[in-house]
Amino acid sequence: MRKDALLAFLMNQTDFFDPENVSEVFTARYLAQRFNMQRNTASHYLNQLVAQGVLCKINTRPVYFLHKQAFSQQFFTLSRNEYASVAELLAHGEQECAPDDHFSLLIGHNESLKRPIEQLKTALFYPDGGLPLLMTGESGTGKSYLAQLMHEYAIAQALLSPDAPFISFNCAQYASNPELLAANLFGYVKGAFTGAQSDRPGAFEAADGGMLFLDEVHRLSAEGQEKLFTWLDRGEIYRVGDTAQGHPVSVRLVFATTDEIHSTILPTDLRRIRLHVTLPGR
């Protein structure tokens, strides 16, 4: 049916919409010629689809029609079916992508990523400093980028101070040396191991007052996970070589892994990570 073909064509072309130079392919005149129909028939189909919320209409001369879902996935969410001009549409986009809504910049934020983003926001707004959360997903699904967006969003929402640190720590980097991994993550005291000539804070203390992103957390040794459990349970960490003096640390903690969590992360830790966010594959 020509109406379906017209709609499929607009869905494809909307991905290439250029507001600085709007193509005639979005006009009823062009579509009528392309699909060999009367112009008033094409206009009738197009306005029907606008009324149904499938298309968006820009009431300029000529009038332009865009596929709403395709536009929203490629650019920003369209909450209206009609705009007076391209400038008005772009102004709406600036409001939609305001600095306090960083997640709207993500392709799929209102589709495949809608549920994960809701969970991330839940973790941030949870009382008493938020909830630790664990993101799972294959490599390339944007776990580290999402963690950075969480940090920016938290600052925009005044959940964190403007100078709050964001520390990213990849546990896989030290996987072959569990002692070095723990020392860089939790810090160490003088004499804790060969070469430890002075006390030194780790990533946890560097992130105090901000956010700590632990990537490939499944590479953390059982001993390291026990230290992690202490922070989850008491809000303090113990540097390597010191079991007497705990260091209170206030951080928003985000874990990420590509592995199966139940076989690699201790049950004591999993029980305290109450939000598990699964990201869709590429």
C-alpha atoms as a PDB file:
ATOM      1  CA  MET A   1       0.000   0.000   0.000  1.00  0.00           C
ATOM      2  CA  ARG A   2       1.341   3.431  -0.988  1.00  0.00           C
ATOM      3  CA  LYS A   3       0.593   4.925   2.421  1.00  0.00           C
ATOM      4  CA  ASP A   4       2.825   2.320   4.088  1.00  0.00           C
ATOM      5  CA  ALA A   5       5.565   2.877   1.505  1.00  0.00           C
ATOM      6  CA  LEU A   6       5.355   6.629   2.048  1.00  0.00           C
ATOM      7  CA  LEU A   7       5.679   6.149   5.806  1.00  0.00           C
ATOM      8  CA  ALA A   8       8.652   3.782   5.443  1.00  0.00           C
ATOM      9  CA  PHE A   9      10.356   6.289   3.137  1.00  0.00           C
ATOM     10  CA  LEU A  10       9.899   9.142   5.637  1.00  0.00           C
ATOM     11  CA  MET A  11      11.171   6.977   8.496  1.00  0.00           C
ATOM     12  CA  ASN A  12      14.381   6.343   6.567  1.00  0.00           C
ATOM     13  CA  GLN A  13      14.837   9.936   5.366  1.00  0.00           C
ATOM     14  CA  THR A  14      14.216  11.481   8.800  1.00  0.00           C
ATOM     15  CA  ASP A  15      17.522  10.007   9.992  1.00  0.00           C
ATOM     16  CA  PHE A  16      19.212  12.457   7.593  1.00  0.00           C
ATOM     17  CA  PHE A  17      17.136  15.535   8.462  1.00  0.00           C
ATOM     18  CA  ASP A  18      19.232  18.726   8.318  1.00  0.00           C
ATOM     19  CA  PRO A  19      17.527  21.721   9.971  1.00  0.00           C
ATOM     20  CA  GLU A  20      19.944  24.108   8.230  1.00  0.00           C
ATOM     21  CA  ASN A  21      18.963  22.851   4.798  1.00  0.00           C
ATOM     22  CA  VAL A  22      15.643  21.019   4.884  1.00  0.00           C
ATOM     23  CA  SER A  23      15.257  18.714   1.907  1.00  0.00           C
ATOM     24  CA  GLU A  24      12.200  18.732  -0.321  1.00  0.00           C
ATOM     25  CA  VAL A  25      11.819  14.985   0.311  1.00  0.00           C
ATOM     26  CA  PHE A  26       9.787  15.937   3.406  1.00  0.00           C
ATOM     27  CA  THR A  27       7.120  17.813   1.388  1.00  0.00           C
ATOM     28  CA  ALA A  28       3.766  16.552   0.140  1.00  0.00           C
ATOM     29  CA  ARG A  29       4.656  17.687  -3.381  1.00  0.00           C
ATOM     30  CA  TYR A  30       7.784  15.559  -3.562  1.00  0.00           C
ATOM     31  CA  LEU A  31       6.138  12.542  -1.936  1.00  0.00           C
ATOM     32  CA  ALA A  32       3.180  12.707  -4.327  1.00  0.00           C
ATOM     33  CA  GLN A  33       5.542  12.646  -7.300  1.00  0.00           C
ATOM     34  CA  ARG A  34       7.715   9.886  -5.870  1.00  0.00           C
ATOM     35  CA  PHE A  35       4.797   7.578  -5.116  1.00  0.00           C
ATOM     36  CA  ASN A  36       2.768   8.507  -8.189  1.00  0.00           C
ATOM     37  CA  MET A  37      -0.290   9.878  -6.425  1.00  0.00           C
ATOM     38  CA  GLN A  38      -2.307  13.067  -6.455  1.00  0.00           C
ATOM     39  CA  ARG A  39      -0.905  15.791  -4.200  1.00  0.00           C
ATOM     40  CA  ASN A  40      -4.170  16.085  -2.263  1.00  0.00           C
ATOM     41  CA  THR A  41      -4.087  12.292  -1.688  1.00  0.00           C
ATOM     42  CA  ALA A  42      -0.531  12.515  -0.336  1.00  0.00           C
ATOM     43  CA  SER A  43      -1.525  15.450   1.901  1.00  0.00           C
ATOM     44  CA  HIS A  44      -4.503  13.465   3.173  1.00  0.00           C
ATOM     45  CA  TYR A  45      -2.308  10.479   4.095  1.00  0.00           C
ATOM     46  CA  LEU A  46       0.291  12.706   5.719  1.00  0.00           C
ATOM     47  CA  ASN A  47      -2.194  14.658   7.819  1.00  0.00           C
ATOM     48  CA  GLN A  48      -3.838  11.406   8.910  1.00  0.00           C
ATOM     49  CA  LEU A  49      -0.468  10.183  10.158  1.00  0.00           C
ATOM     50  CA  VAL A  50       0.107  13.501  11.951  1.00  0.00           C
ATOM     51  CA  ALA A  51      -3.272  13.163  13.694  1.00  0.00           C
ATOM     52  CA  GLN A  52      -2.303   9.626  14.732  1.00  0.00           C
ATOM     53  CA  GLY A  53       0.956  10.920  16.245  1.00  0.00           C
ATOM     54  CA  VAL A  54       3.131   8.990  13.789  1.00  0.00           C
ATOM     55  CA  LEU A  55       4.391  12.025  11.906  1.00  0.00           C
ATOM     56  CA  CYS A  56       5.343  15.531  12.964  1.00  0.00           C
ATOM     57  CA  LYS A  57       4.278  18.529  10.841  1.00  0.00           C
ATOM     58  CA  ILE A  58       6.255  21.772  10.441  1.00  0.00           C
ATOM     59  CA  ASN A  59       3.851  24.454   9.202  1.00  0.00           C
ATOM     60  CA  THR A  60       6.187  26.442   6.989  1.00  0.00           C
ATOM     61  CA  ARG A  61       5.974  27.092   3.240  1.00  0.00           C
ATOM     62  CA  PRO A  62       6.322  24.393   2.089  1.00  0.00           C
ATOM     63  CA  VAL A  63       5.031  22.214   4.925  1.00  0.00           C
ATOM     64  CA  TYR A  64       7.443  19.506   6.068  1.00  0.00           C
ATOM     65  CA  PHE A  65       6.606  16.089   7.517  1.00  0.00           C
ATOM     66  CA  LEU A  66       8.989  14.103   9.728  1.00  0.00           C
ATOM     67  CA  HIS A  67       8.746  10.621  11.205  1.00  0.00           C
ATOM     68  CA  LYS A  68       8.424  11.212  14.968  1.00  0.00           C
ATOM     69  CA  GLN A  69       9.964   7.986  16.249  1.00  0.00           C
ATOM     70  CA  ALA A  70      12.897   8.151  13.851  1.00  0.00           C
ATOM     71  CA  PHE A  71      13.492  11.797  14.735  1.00  0.00           C
ATOM     72  CA  SER A  72      13.310  11.114  18.481  1.00  0.00           C
ATOM     73  CA  GLN A  73      15.811   8.275  18.230  1.00  0.00           C
ATOM     74  CA  GLN A  74      18.231  10.308  16.140  1.00  0.00           C
ATOM     75  CA  PHE A  75      17.885  13.755  17.739  1.00  0.00           C
ATOM     76  CA  PHE A  76      15.528  14.473  20.660  1.00  0.00           C
ATOM     77  CA  THR A  77      12.038  13.573  21.811  1.00  0.00           C
ATOM     78  CA  LEU A  78       9.144  15.262  20.021  1.00  0.00           C
ATOM     79  CA  SER A  79       6.236  15.670  22.406  1.00  0.00           C
ATOM     80  CA  ARG A  80       4.068  17.597  19.919  1.00  0.00           C
ATOM     81  CA  ASN A  81       2.704  16.750  16.491  1.00  0.00           C
ATOM     82  CA  GLU A  82       2.965  20.242  14.975  1.00  0.00           C
ATOM     83  CA  TYR A  83       5.443  23.121  15.045  1.00  0.00           C
ATOM     84  CA  ALA A  84       5.114  26.554  13.456  1.00  0.00           C
ATOM     85  CA  SER A  85       8.660  26.542  12.121  1.00  0.00           C
ATOM     86  CA  VAL A  86      11.975  24.678  12.140  1.00  0.00           C
ATOM     87  CA  ALA A  87      13.228  27.291  14.627  1.00  0.00           C
ATOM     88  CA  GLU A  88      10.389  26.442  17.018  1.00  0.00           C
ATOM     89  CA  LEU A  89      11.177  22.742  16.702  1.00  0.00           C
ATOM     90  CA  LEU A  90      14.843  23.393  17.522  1.00  0.00           C
ATOM     91  CA  ALA A  91      13.901  25.596  20.479  1.00  0.00           C
ATOM     92  CA  HIS A  92      11.807  22.696  21.774  1.00  0.00           C
ATOM     93  CA  GLY A  93      14.857  20.478  21.364  1.00  0.00           C
ATOM     94  CA  GLU A  94      16.997  22.832  23.452  1.00  0.00           C
ATOM     95  CA  GLN A  95      14.451  22.516  26.247  1.00  0.00           C
ATOM     96  CA  GLU A  96      14.330  18.731  25.896  1.00  0.00           C
ATOM     97  CA  CYS A  97      18.129  18.472  26.002  1.00  0.00           C
ATOM     98  CA  ALA A  98      18.644  20.982  28.772  1.00  0.00           C
ATOM     99  CA  PRO A  99      21.804  20.544  30.888  1.00  0.00           C
ATOM    100  CA  ASP A 100      19.825  18.933  33.698  1.00  0.00           C
ATOM    101  CA  ASP A 101      18.657  16.132  31.424  1.00  0.00           C
ATOM    102  CA  HIS A 102      21.909  14.673  30.158  1.00  0.00           C
ATOM    103  CA  PHE A 103      20.391  11.257  29.481  1.00  0.00           C
ATOM    104  CA  SER A 104      18.213  12.687  26.692  1.00  0.00           C
ATOM    105  CA  LEU A 105      21.394  13.014  24.621  1.00  0.00           C
ATOM    106  CA  LEU A 106      21.568   9.228  24.338  1.00  0.00           C
ATOM    107  CA  ILE A 107      20.233   7.509  21.246  1.00  0.00           C
ATOM    108  CA  GLY A 108      17.514   5.199  22.506  1.00  0.00           C
ATOM    109  CA  HIS A 109      16.915   7.174  25.715  1.00  0.00           C
ATOM    110  CA  ASN A 110      13.171   6.862  25.224  1.00  0.00           C
ATOM    111  CA  GLU A 111      13.268   3.355  23.769  1.00  0.00           C
ATOM    112  CA  SER A 112      15.733   0.573  24.661  1.00  0.00           C
ATOM    113  CA  LEU A 113      17.500   2.643  27.339  1.00  0.00           C
ATOM    114  CA  LYS A 114      14.374   4.064  28.939  1.00  0.00           C
ATOM    115  CA  ARG A 115      14.177   1.495  31.752  1.00  0.00           C
ATOM    116  CA  PRO A 116      17.942   1.521  32.527  1.00  0.00           C
ATOM    117  CA  ILE A 117      17.926   5.345  32.706  1.00  0.00           C
ATOM    118  CA  GLU A 118      14.984   5.244  35.120  1.00  0.00           C
ATOM    119  CA  GLN A 119      16.976   2.854  37.322  1.00  0.00           C
ATOM    120  CA  LEU A 120      20.067   5.090  37.219  1.00  0.00           C
ATOM    121  CA  LYS A 121      17.989   8.083  38.297  1.00  0.00           C
ATOM    122  CA  THR A 122      16.414   6.027  41.073  1.00  0.00           C
ATOM    123  CA  ALA A 123      19.889   5.224  42.391  1.00  0.00           C
ATOM    124  CA  LEU A 124      20.879   8.899  42.332  1.00  0.00           C
ATOM    125  CA  PHE A 125      17.767  10.260  44.030  1.00  0.00           C
ATOM    126  CA  TYR A 126      17.551   7.584  46.708  1.00  0.00           C
ATOM    127  CA  PRO A 127      17.818   9.204  50.191  1.00  0.00           C
ATOM    128  CA  ASP A 128      21.016   9.258  52.223  1.00  0.00           C
ATOM    129  CA  GLY A 129      23.493   9.477  49.382  1.00  0.00           C
ATOM    130  CA  GLY A 130      21.863   7.233  46.808  1.00  0.00           C
ATOM    131  CA  LEU A 131      22.133   3.524  46.115  1.00  0.00           C
ATOM    132  CA  PRO A 132      25.139   1.611  44.792  1.00  0.00           C
ATOM    133  CA  LEU A 133      24.277  -0.012  41.480  1.00  0.00           C
ATOM    134  CA  LEU A 134      25.709  -2.636  39.178  1.00  0.00           C
ATOM    135  CA  MET A 135      25.554  -2.282  35.400  1.00  0.00           C
ATOM    136  CA  THR A 136      25.914  -5.413  33.304  1.00  0.00           C
ATOM    137  CA  GLY A 137      26.257  -5.653  29.560  1.00  0.00           C
ATOM    138  CA  GLU A 138      28.607  -6.727  26.817  1.00  0.00           C
ATOM    139  CA  SER A 139      31.629  -4.629  25.846  1.00  0.00           C
ATOM    140  CA  GLY A 140      30.685  -1.511  23.912  1.00  0.00           C
ATOM    141  CA  THR A 141      27.246  -0.971  25.446  1.00  0.00           C
ATOM    142  CA  GLY A 142      28.292   2.341  27.020  1.00  0.00           C
ATOM    143  CA  LYS A 143      28.677   1.490  30.695  1.00  0.00           C
ATOM    144  CA  SER A 144      31.486   3.972  31.357  1.00  0.00           C
ATOM    145  CA  TYR A 145      29.745   6.713  29.363  1.00  0.00           C
ATOM    146  CA  LEU A 146      26.536   6.187  31.325  1.00  0.00           C
ATOM    147  CA  ALA A 147      28.483   6.482  34.578  1.00  0.00           C
ATOM    148  CA  GLN A 148      29.906   9.824  33.420  1.00  0.00           C
ATOM    149  CA  LEU A 149      26.420  11.021  32.480  1.00  0.00           C
ATOM    150  CA  MET A 150      25.205  10.009  35.950  1.00  0.00           C
ATOM    151  CA  HIS A 151      27.912  12.194  37.482  1.00  0.00           C
ATOM    152  CA  GLU A 152      27.034  15.184  35.276  1.00  0.00           C
ATOM    153  CA  TYR A 153      23.318  14.700  35.911  1.00  0.00           C
ATOM    154  CA  ALA A 154      23.872  14.473  39.688  1.00  0.00           C
ATOM    155  CA  ILE A 155      25.752  17.784  39.625  1.00  0.00           C
ATOM    156  CA  ALA A 156      23.037  19.427  37.498  1.00  0.00           C
ATOM    157  CA  GLN A 157      20.400  18.213  39.974  1.00  0.00           C
ATOM    158  CA  ALA A 158      22.462  19.513  42.952  1.00  0.00           C
ATOM    159  CA  LEU A 159      22.863  15.972  44.266  1.00  0.00           C
ATOM    160  CA  LEU A 160      26.620  16.503  44.088  1.00  0.00           C
ATOM    161  CA  SER A 161      28.638  19.692  44.435  1.00  0.00           C
ATOM    162  CA  PRO A 162      29.929  21.301  41.208  1.00  0.00           C
ATOM    163  CA  ASP A 163      33.495  20.236  42.010  1.00  0.00           C
ATOM    164  CA  ALA A 164      32.584  16.666  43.006  1.00  0.00           C
ATOM    165  CA  PRO A 165      35.177  14.240  41.600  1.00  0.00           C
ATOM    166  CA  PHE A 166      34.483  11.448  39.155  1.00  0.00           C
ATOM    167  CA  ILE A 167      37.003   8.621  39.472  1.00  0.00           C
ATOM    168  CA  SER A 168      37.033   5.748  37.004  1.00  0.00           C
ATOM    169  CA  PHE A 169      38.920   2.618  38.081  1.00  0.00           C
ATOM    170  CA  ASN A 170      39.319  -0.425  35.857  1.00  0.00           C
ATOM    171  CA  CYS A 171      39.846  -3.511  38.009  1.00  0.00           C
ATOM    172  CA  ALA A 172      41.070  -5.502  34.992  1.00  0.00           C
ATOM    173  CA  GLN A 173      44.149  -3.300  34.783  1.00  0.00           C
ATOM    174  CA  TYR A 174      45.598  -4.925  37.910  1.00  0.00           C
ATOM    175  CA  ALA A 175      43.926  -8.333  37.658  1.00  0.00           C
ATOM    176  CA  SER A 176      47.254 -10.197  37.525  1.00  0.00           C
ATOM    177  CA  ASN A 177      48.348  -8.575  40.800  1.00  0.00           C
ATOM    178  CA  PRO A 178      45.506  -8.618  43.374  1.00  0.00           C
ATOM    179  CA  GLU A 179      47.649  -6.882  46.020  1.00  0.00           C
ATOM    180  CA  LEU A 180      48.433  -3.980  43.690  1.00  0.00           C
ATOM    181  CA  LEU A 181      44.766  -3.777  42.692  1.00  0.00           C
ATOM    182  CA  ALA A 182      43.663  -3.491  46.320  1.00  0.00           C
ATOM    183  CA  ALA A 183      46.431  -0.986  47.085  1.00  0.00           C
ATOM    184  CA  ASN A 184      45.368   1.333  44.230  1.00  0.00           C
ATOM    185  CA  LEU A 185      41.691   1.004  45.055  1.00  0.00           C
ATOM    186  CA  PHE A 186      41.750   1.230  48.859  1.00  0.00           C
ATOM    187  CA  GLY A 187      45.129   2.864  49.451  1.00  0.00           C
ATOM    188  CA  TYR A 188      47.924   1.510  51.637  1.00  0.00           C
ATOM    189  CA  VAL A 189      50.039   2.356  54.674  1.00  0.00           C
ATOM    190  CA  LYS A 190      53.796   2.584  54.927  1.00  0.00           C
ATOM    191  CA  GLY A 191      55.388  -0.852  55.027  1.00  0.00           C
ATOM    192  CA  ALA A 192      52.301  -2.687  53.768  1.00  0.00           C
ATOM    193  CA  PHE A 193      54.423  -4.297  51.043  1.00  0.00           C
ATOM    194  CA  THR A 194      57.817  -3.901  49.405  1.00  0.00           C
ATOM    195  CA  GLY A 195      58.034  -0.405  47.974  1.00  0.00           C
ATOM    196  CA  ALA A 196      55.321   1.092  50.218  1.00  0.00           C
ATOM    197  CA  GLN A 197      57.522   3.860  51.606  1.00  0.00           C
ATOM    198  CA  SER A 198      54.688   6.114  52.813  1.00  0.00           C
ATOM    199  CA  ASP A 199      50.941   6.136  53.398  1.00  0.00           C
ATOM    200  CA  ARG A 200      48.941   6.651  50.234  1.00  0.00           C
ATOM    201  CA  PRO A 201      45.193   7.022  49.619  1.00  0.00           C
ATOM    202  CA  GLY A 202      43.499   5.026  46.881  1.00  0.00           C
ATOM    203  CA  ALA A 203      40.691   5.598  44.401  1.00  0.00           C
ATOM    204  CA  PHE A 204      38.026   5.394  47.107  1.00  0.00           C
ATOM    205  CA  GLU A 205      39.432   8.351  49.021  1.00  0.00           C
ATOM    206  CA  ALA A 206      40.136  10.266  45.795  1.00  0.00           C
ATOM    207  CA  ALA A 207      36.428   9.966  44.969  1.00  0.00           C
ATOM    208  CA  ASP A 208      35.271  11.150  48.407  1.00  0.00           C
ATOM    209  CA  GLY A 209      32.301  13.499  47.957  1.00  0.00           C
ATOM    210  CA  GLY A 210      31.782  12.380  44.364  1.00  0.00           C
ATOM    211  CA  MET A 211      31.361   9.241  42.293  1.00  0.00           C
ATOM    212  CA  LEU A 212      33.521   6.145  41.895  1.00  0.00           C
ATOM    213  CA  PHE A 213      33.059   3.968  38.816  1.00  0.00           C
ATOM    214  CA  LEU A 214      34.487   0.454  39.196  1.00  0.00           C
ATOM    215  CA  ASP A 215      34.696  -1.171  35.791  1.00  0.00           C
ATOM    216  CA  GLU A 216      35.203  -4.944  35.371  1.00  0.00           C
ATOM    217  CA  VAL A 217      34.493  -5.339  39.083  1.00  0.00           C
ATOM    218  CA  HIS A 218      34.394  -9.126  38.698  1.00  0.00           C
ATOM    219  CA  ARG A 219      38.217  -8.985  38.432  1.00  0.00           C
ATOM    220  CA  LEU A 220      38.432  -7.869  42.062  1.00  0.00           C
ATOM    221  CA  SER A 221      39.846 -10.651  44.272  1.00  0.00           C
ATOM    222  CA  ALA A 222      37.845 -12.193  47.124  1.00  0.00           C
ATOM    223  CA  GLU A 223      39.954 -10.179  49.596  1.00  0.00           C
ATOM    224  CA  GLY A 224      39.257  -6.986  47.669  1.00  0.00           C
ATOM    225  CA  GLN A 225      35.557  -7.797  47.609  1.00  0.00           C
ATOM    226  CA  GLU A 226      35.637  -8.265  51.390  1.00  0.00           C
ATOM    227  CA  LYS A 227      37.071  -4.766  51.733  1.00  0.00           C
ATOM    228  CA  LEU A 228      34.332  -3.571  49.409  1.00  0.00           C
ATOM    229  CA  PHE A 229      31.775  -5.250  51.652  1.00  0.00           C
ATOM    230  CA  THR A 230      33.128  -3.238  54.610  1.00  0.00           C
ATOM    231  CA  TRP A 231      32.415   0.005  52.777  1.00  0.00           C
ATOM    232  CA  LEU A 232      28.960  -1.156  51.676  1.00  0.00           C
ATOM    233  CA  ASP A 233      28.201  -2.181  55.258  1.00  0.00           C
ATOM    234  CA  ARG A 234      29.833   0.650  57.267  1.00  0.00           C
ATOM    235  CA  GLY A 235      30.725   3.422  54.844  1.00  0.00           C
ATOM    236  CA  GLU A 236      34.436   3.189  55.567  1.00  0.00           C
ATOM    237  CA  ILE A 237      37.469   1.602  53.946  1.00  0.00           C
ATOM    238  CA  TYR A 238      40.668   0.113  55.323  1.00  0.00           C
ATOM    239  CA  ARG A 239      43.923   0.737  53.552  1.00  0.00           C
ATOM    240  CA  VAL A 240      46.087  -2.258  52.705  1.00  0.00           C
ATOM    241  CA  GLY A 241      48.264  -3.076  55.708  1.00  0.00           C
ATOM    242  CA  ASP A 242      45.930  -1.414  58.227  1.00  0.00           C
ATOM    243  CA  THR A 243      43.098  -3.280  59.936  1.00  0.00           C
ATOM    244  CA  ALA A 244      42.804  -0.905  62.876  1.00  0.00           C
ATOM    245  CA  GLN A 245      41.898   2.494  61.447  1.00  0.00           C
ATOM    246  CA  GLY A 246      38.956   2.823  59.106  1.00  0.00           C
ATOM    247  CA  HIS A 247      38.583   5.848  56.809  1.00  0.00           C
ATOM    248  CA  PRO A 248      34.998   7.130  56.374  1.00  0.00           C
ATOM    249  CA  VAL A 249      34.352   7.794  52.701  1.00  0.00           C
ATOM    250  CA  SER A 250      31.210   9.238  51.129  1.00  0.00           C
ATOM    251  CA  VAL A 251      30.952   8.187  47.501  1.00  0.00           C
ATOM    252  CA  ARG A 252      28.278   7.255  45.021  1.00  0.00           C
ATOM    253  CA  LEU A 253      29.384   3.874  43.789  1.00  0.00           C
ATOM    254  CA  VAL A 254      28.747   2.478  40.312  1.00  0.00           C
ATOM    255  CA  PHE A 255      29.930  -1.015  39.378  1.00  0.00           C
ATOM    256  CA  ALA A 256      30.139  -2.487  35.892  1.00  0.00           C
ATOM    257  CA  THR A 257      30.888  -5.925  34.553  1.00  0.00           C
ATOM    258  CA  THR A 258      30.696  -7.947  31.359  1.00  0.00           C
ATOM    259  CA  ASP A 259      30.721 -11.197  33.327  1.00  0.00           C
ATOM    260  CA  GLU A 260      28.074 -13.375  34.949  1.00  0.00           C
ATOM    261  CA  ILE A 261      27.714 -11.728  38.348  1.00  0.00           C
ATOM    262  CA  HIS A 262      26.542 -14.650  40.474  1.00  0.00           C
ATOM    263  CA  SER A 263      29.654 -16.727  39.773  1.00  0.00           C
ATOM    264  CA  THR A 264      32.219 -13.936  40.249  1.00  0.00           C
ATOM    265  CA  ILE A 265      30.868 -11.512  42.869  1.00  0.00           C
ATOM    266  CA  LEU A 266      30.485 -12.539  46.509  1.00  0.00           C
ATOM    267  CA  PRO A 267      26.872 -12.991  47.675  1.00  0.00           C
ATOM    268  CA  THR A 268      27.528 -10.609  50.610  1.00  0.00           C
ATOM    269  CA  ASP A 269      28.298  -7.833  48.125  1.00  0.00           C
ATOM    270  CA  LEU A 270      25.456  -8.672  45.735  1.00  0.00           C
ATOM    271  CA  ARG A 271      22.905  -8.476  48.540  1.00  0.00           C
ATOM    272  CA  ARG A 272      24.008  -4.911  49.261  1.00  0.00           C
ATOM    273  CA  ILE A 273      23.979  -3.801  45.638  1.00  0.00           C
ATOM    274  CA  ARG A 274      20.239  -3.452  45.364  1.00  0.00           C
ATOM    275  CA  LEU A 275      20.039  -2.119  41.817  1.00  0.00           C
ATOM    276  CA  HIS A 276      21.170  -4.331  38.947  1.00  0.00           C
ATOM    277  CA  VAL A 277      20.899  -2.553  35.588  1.00  0.00           C
ATOM    278  CA  THR A 278      21.085  -4.647  32.418  1.00  0.00           C
ATOM    279  CA  LEU A 279      22.061  -2.719  29.294  1.00  0.00           C
ATOM    280  CA  PRO A 280      20.785  -3.844  25.884  1.00  0.00           C
ATOM    281  CA  GLY A 281      23.268  -5.255  23.395  1.00  0.00           C
ATOM    282  CA  ARG A 282      24.501  -3.250  20.460  1.00  0.00           C
END
